[in-house]
């Protein structure tokens, strides 16, 4: 298991963050979980997952966690890190 903490920037918007996370989670076998204020959302490639992340209502400036669990967790983390770098998160 790998867990990372991220700082949410208003410049990317919550919808873009949610869709990016769900899209990336679909490319790996590992479970990807977003946690914010004690509420967790397990991601899969569905509209429901996007809505679940958006319902967390992560605010600009707040911290949230992403947990990766599985055989390709390092690769999933790297892909998210790469995408967040491009989005200046």
N, C-alpha and C. Protein backbone atom coordinates (compact mmCIF):
# COMPACT_ATOMS: atom_id res chain seq x y z
N UNK A 1 0.84 -1.18 0.00
CA UNK A 1 0.00 0.00 0.00
C UNK A 1 0.89 1.25 0.00
N UNK A 2 0.50 2.20 -0.82
CA UNK A 2 1.16 3.50 -0.88
C UNK A 2 0.08 4.56 -0.64
N UNK A 3 0.40 5.53 0.18
CA UNK A 3 -0.54 6.63 0.40
C UNK A 3 0.21 7.95 0.24
N UNK A 4 -0.41 8.87 -0.49
CA UNK A 4 0.19 10.19 -0.70
C UNK A 4 -0.84 11.26 -0.35
N UNK A 5 -0.33 12.37 0.11
CA UNK A 5 -1.16 13.53 0.43
C UNK A 5 -0.96 14.58 -0.65
N UNK A 6 -2.04 15.21 -1.05
CA UNK A 6 -1.99 16.23 -2.10
C UNK A 6 -2.70 17.49 -1.63
N UNK A 7 -2.30 18.60 -2.19
CA UNK A 7 -2.88 19.91 -1.92
C UNK A 7 -3.74 20.27 -3.13
N UNK A 8 -5.03 20.52 -2.91
CA UNK A 8 -5.93 20.80 -4.03
C UNK A 8 -5.83 22.26 -4.44
N UNK A 9 -5.61 22.48 -5.71
CA UNK A 9 -5.50 23.81 -6.27
C UNK A 9 -6.78 24.15 -7.05
N UNK A 10 -7.31 25.32 -6.82
CA UNK A 10 -8.55 25.73 -7.49
C UNK A 10 -8.36 25.87 -8.99
N UNK A 11 -7.13 26.01 -9.43
CA UNK A 11 -6.89 26.26 -10.85
C UNK A 11 -7.31 25.09 -11.75
N UNK A 12 -7.36 23.87 -11.21
CA UNK A 12 -7.74 22.75 -12.07
C UNK A 12 -9.22 22.41 -11.99
N UNK A 13 -9.88 22.76 -10.93
CA UNK A 13 -11.29 22.47 -10.78
C UNK A 13 -11.53 21.04 -10.31
N UNK A 14 -12.56 20.86 -9.52
CA UNK A 14 -12.87 19.56 -8.93
C UNK A 14 -13.31 18.54 -9.98
N UNK A 15 -14.06 18.97 -10.99
CA UNK A 15 -14.51 18.04 -12.03
C UNK A 15 -13.33 17.46 -12.80
N UNK A 16 -12.36 18.30 -13.10
CA UNK A 16 -11.18 17.82 -13.83
C UNK A 16 -10.36 16.87 -12.97
N UNK A 17 -10.21 17.19 -11.70
CA UNK A 17 -9.52 16.30 -10.78
C UNK A 17 -10.21 14.94 -10.73
N UNK A 18 -11.53 14.95 -10.56
CA UNK A 18 -12.29 13.71 -10.46
C UNK A 18 -12.17 12.86 -11.72
N UNK A 19 -12.34 13.47 -12.88
CA UNK A 19 -12.27 12.71 -14.12
C UNK A 19 -10.87 12.17 -14.38
N UNK A 20 -9.84 12.93 -14.01
CA UNK A 20 -8.46 12.46 -14.17
C UNK A 20 -8.19 11.26 -13.28
N UNK A 21 -8.60 11.33 -12.03
CA UNK A 21 -8.39 10.21 -11.11
C UNK A 21 -9.11 8.95 -11.56
N UNK A 22 -10.35 9.10 -12.00
CA UNK A 22 -11.12 7.93 -12.43
C UNK A 22 -10.52 7.33 -13.70
N UNK A 23 -10.12 8.17 -14.63
CA UNK A 23 -9.51 7.68 -15.88
C UNK A 23 -8.23 6.90 -15.59
N UNK A 24 -7.40 7.44 -14.73
CA UNK A 24 -6.13 6.78 -14.40
C UNK A 24 -6.37 5.49 -13.63
N UNK A 25 -7.34 5.49 -12.72
CA UNK A 25 -7.60 4.27 -11.94
C UNK A 25 -8.01 3.11 -12.83
N UNK A 26 -8.61 3.40 -13.95
CA UNK A 26 -9.05 2.36 -14.88
C UNK A 26 -7.88 1.68 -15.59
N UNK A 27 -6.73 2.31 -15.62
CA UNK A 27 -5.58 1.78 -16.35
C UNK A 27 -4.75 0.81 -15.53
N UNK A 28 -5.13 0.57 -14.28
CA UNK A 28 -4.33 -0.27 -13.40
C UNK A 28 -5.19 -1.26 -12.65
N UNK A 29 -4.57 -2.34 -12.21
CA UNK A 29 -5.27 -3.36 -11.43
C UNK A 29 -5.41 -2.95 -9.97
N UNK A 30 -4.54 -2.10 -9.50
CA UNK A 30 -4.55 -1.69 -8.10
C UNK A 30 -5.82 -0.92 -7.77
N UNK A 31 -6.21 -1.05 -6.51
CA UNK A 31 -7.34 -0.28 -6.00
C UNK A 31 -6.83 1.13 -5.72
N UNK A 32 -7.60 2.13 -6.14
CA UNK A 32 -7.26 3.54 -5.90
C UNK A 32 -8.39 4.13 -5.06
N UNK A 33 -8.01 4.70 -3.92
CA UNK A 33 -8.99 5.25 -2.99
C UNK A 33 -8.63 6.70 -2.69
N UNK A 34 -9.62 7.57 -2.77
CA UNK A 34 -9.44 8.98 -2.41
C UNK A 34 -10.08 9.17 -1.04
N UNK A 35 -9.36 9.87 -0.16
CA UNK A 35 -9.88 10.14 1.18
C UNK A 35 -9.80 11.62 1.47
N UNK A 36 -10.89 12.15 2.00
CA UNK A 36 -10.96 13.57 2.36
C UNK A 36 -11.85 13.70 3.59
N UNK A 37 -11.32 14.27 4.64
CA UNK A 37 -12.05 14.48 5.89
C UNK A 37 -12.70 13.20 6.40
N UNK A 38 -11.96 12.09 6.30
CA UNK A 38 -12.45 10.81 6.83
C UNK A 38 -13.40 10.05 5.93
N UNK A 39 -13.76 10.62 4.81
CA UNK A 39 -14.66 9.94 3.86
C UNK A 39 -13.82 9.37 2.73
N UNK A 40 -14.05 8.11 2.39
CA UNK A 40 -13.28 7.46 1.34
C UNK A 40 -14.16 7.11 0.15
N UNK A 41 -13.55 7.18 -1.02
CA UNK A 41 -14.21 6.82 -2.27
C UNK A 41 -13.26 5.90 -3.03
N UNK A 42 -13.73 4.68 -3.30
CA UNK A 42 -12.95 3.76 -4.13
C UNK A 42 -13.30 4.01 -5.58
N UNK A 43 -12.27 4.18 -6.41
CA UNK A 43 -12.50 4.57 -7.79
C UNK A 43 -12.62 3.36 -8.71
N UNK A 44 -13.54 3.45 -9.62
CA UNK A 44 -13.62 2.55 -10.77
C UNK A 44 -14.03 3.40 -11.96
N UNK A 45 -14.06 2.82 -13.12
CA UNK A 45 -14.27 3.63 -14.33
C UNK A 45 -15.76 3.80 -14.60
N UNK A 46 -16.41 4.60 -13.73
CA UNK A 46 -17.84 4.86 -13.90
C UNK A 46 -18.13 6.33 -13.64
N UNK A 47 -19.25 6.76 -14.15
CA UNK A 47 -19.72 8.12 -13.87
C UNK A 47 -19.98 8.27 -12.38
N UNK A 48 -20.42 7.21 -11.74
CA UNK A 48 -20.68 7.25 -10.31
C UNK A 48 -19.41 7.60 -9.52
N UNK A 49 -18.27 7.06 -9.94
CA UNK A 49 -17.01 7.37 -9.26
C UNK A 49 -16.66 8.85 -9.40
N UNK A 50 -16.88 9.41 -10.57
CA UNK A 50 -16.63 10.84 -10.77
C UNK A 50 -17.53 11.65 -9.84
N UNK A 51 -18.78 11.28 -9.77
CA UNK A 51 -19.72 11.99 -8.90
C UNK A 51 -19.36 11.81 -7.43
N UNK A 52 -18.88 10.61 -7.07
CA UNK A 52 -18.47 10.36 -5.68
C UNK A 52 -17.30 11.26 -5.28
N UNK A 53 -16.31 11.40 -6.17
CA UNK A 53 -15.18 12.28 -5.88
C UNK A 53 -15.67 13.73 -5.77
N UNK A 54 -16.54 14.13 -6.66
CA UNK A 54 -17.05 15.50 -6.61
C UNK A 54 -17.87 15.74 -5.34
N UNK A 55 -18.56 14.70 -4.86
CA UNK A 55 -19.37 14.86 -3.66
C UNK A 55 -18.52 15.05 -2.40
N UNK A 56 -17.22 14.72 -2.49
CA UNK A 56 -16.33 14.98 -1.36
C UNK A 56 -16.19 16.48 -1.11
N UNK A 57 -16.46 17.27 -2.16
CA UNK A 57 -16.45 18.73 -2.07
C UNK A 57 -15.11 19.25 -1.54
N UNK A 58 -14.02 18.76 -2.14
CA UNK A 58 -12.68 19.20 -1.76
C UNK A 58 -12.55 20.67 -2.12
N UNK A 59 -12.13 21.44 -1.16
CA UNK A 59 -12.03 22.90 -1.33
C UNK A 59 -10.62 23.32 -1.71
N UNK A 60 -10.50 24.40 -2.47
CA UNK A 60 -9.16 24.91 -2.80
C UNK A 60 -8.35 25.15 -1.53
N UNK A 61 -7.11 24.68 -1.56
CA UNK A 61 -6.23 24.83 -0.42
C UNK A 61 -6.25 23.66 0.55
N UNK A 62 -7.25 22.78 0.42
CA UNK A 62 -7.36 21.64 1.32
C UNK A 62 -6.45 20.50 0.90
N UNK A 63 -6.14 19.64 1.86
CA UNK A 63 -5.35 18.45 1.61
C UNK A 63 -6.27 17.24 1.49
N UNK A 64 -5.91 16.32 0.61
CA UNK A 64 -6.63 15.06 0.48
C UNK A 64 -5.60 13.96 0.27
N UNK A 65 -6.01 12.72 0.47
CA UNK A 65 -5.11 11.59 0.34
C UNK A 65 -5.58 10.66 -0.78
N UNK A 66 -4.61 10.04 -1.42
CA UNK A 66 -4.90 8.97 -2.39
C UNK A 66 -4.11 7.76 -1.94
N UNK A 67 -4.81 6.63 -1.86
CA UNK A 67 -4.20 5.38 -1.44
C UNK A 67 -4.23 4.40 -2.61
N UNK A 68 -3.11 3.74 -2.82
CA UNK A 68 -2.96 2.76 -3.89
C UNK A 68 -2.66 1.41 -3.26
N UNK A 69 -3.43 0.40 -3.63
CA UNK A 69 -3.23 -0.94 -3.07
C UNK A 69 -3.30 -1.95 -4.20
N UNK A 70 -2.20 -2.68 -4.43
CA UNK A 70 -2.23 -3.72 -5.45
C UNK A 70 -0.88 -3.94 -6.10
N UNK A 71 -0.88 -4.83 -7.07
CA UNK A 71 0.39 -5.26 -7.66
C UNK A 71 1.06 -4.19 -8.51
N UNK A 72 0.30 -3.24 -9.02
CA UNK A 72 0.90 -2.18 -9.84
C UNK A 72 0.70 -0.80 -9.20
N UNK A 73 0.71 -0.78 -7.88
CA UNK A 73 0.47 0.48 -7.16
C UNK A 73 1.53 1.54 -7.44
N UNK A 74 2.76 1.12 -7.63
CA UNK A 74 3.84 2.08 -7.93
C UNK A 74 3.59 2.74 -9.28
N UNK A 75 3.19 1.95 -10.26
CA UNK A 75 2.92 2.49 -11.60
C UNK A 75 1.69 3.41 -11.57
N UNK A 76 0.67 3.04 -10.80
CA UNK A 76 -0.53 3.89 -10.69
C UNK A 76 -0.17 5.23 -10.04
N UNK A 77 0.63 5.17 -8.99
CA UNK A 77 1.08 6.40 -8.33
C UNK A 77 1.88 7.27 -9.30
N UNK A 78 2.79 6.66 -10.04
CA UNK A 78 3.62 7.42 -10.98
C UNK A 78 2.78 8.12 -12.04
N UNK A 79 1.77 7.42 -12.56
CA UNK A 79 0.91 8.01 -13.58
C UNK A 79 0.13 9.20 -13.02
N UNK A 80 -0.37 9.05 -11.81
CA UNK A 80 -1.09 10.17 -11.18
C UNK A 80 -0.13 11.33 -10.90
N UNK A 81 1.06 11.02 -10.41
CA UNK A 81 2.05 12.08 -10.19
C UNK A 81 2.36 12.82 -11.49
N UNK A 82 2.52 12.08 -12.58
CA UNK A 82 2.80 12.70 -13.87
C UNK A 82 1.65 13.62 -14.30
N UNK A 83 0.42 13.12 -14.17
CA UNK A 83 -0.74 13.92 -14.58
C UNK A 83 -0.89 15.15 -13.68
N UNK A 84 -0.70 14.98 -12.38
CA UNK A 84 -0.81 16.12 -11.47
C UNK A 84 0.27 17.15 -11.77
N UNK A 85 1.45 16.69 -12.16
CA UNK A 85 2.53 17.61 -12.53
C UNK A 85 2.14 18.44 -13.74
N UNK A 86 1.49 17.82 -14.72
CA UNK A 86 1.04 18.54 -15.91
C UNK A 86 -0.06 19.54 -15.57
N UNK A 87 -0.85 19.22 -14.53
CA UNK A 87 -1.97 20.08 -14.15
C UNK A 87 -1.56 21.11 -13.09
N UNK A 88 -0.28 21.07 -12.69
CA UNK A 88 0.23 21.97 -11.65
C UNK A 88 -0.52 21.83 -10.33
N UNK A 89 -0.80 20.59 -9.96
CA UNK A 89 -1.50 20.35 -8.70
C UNK A 89 -0.50 20.27 -7.57
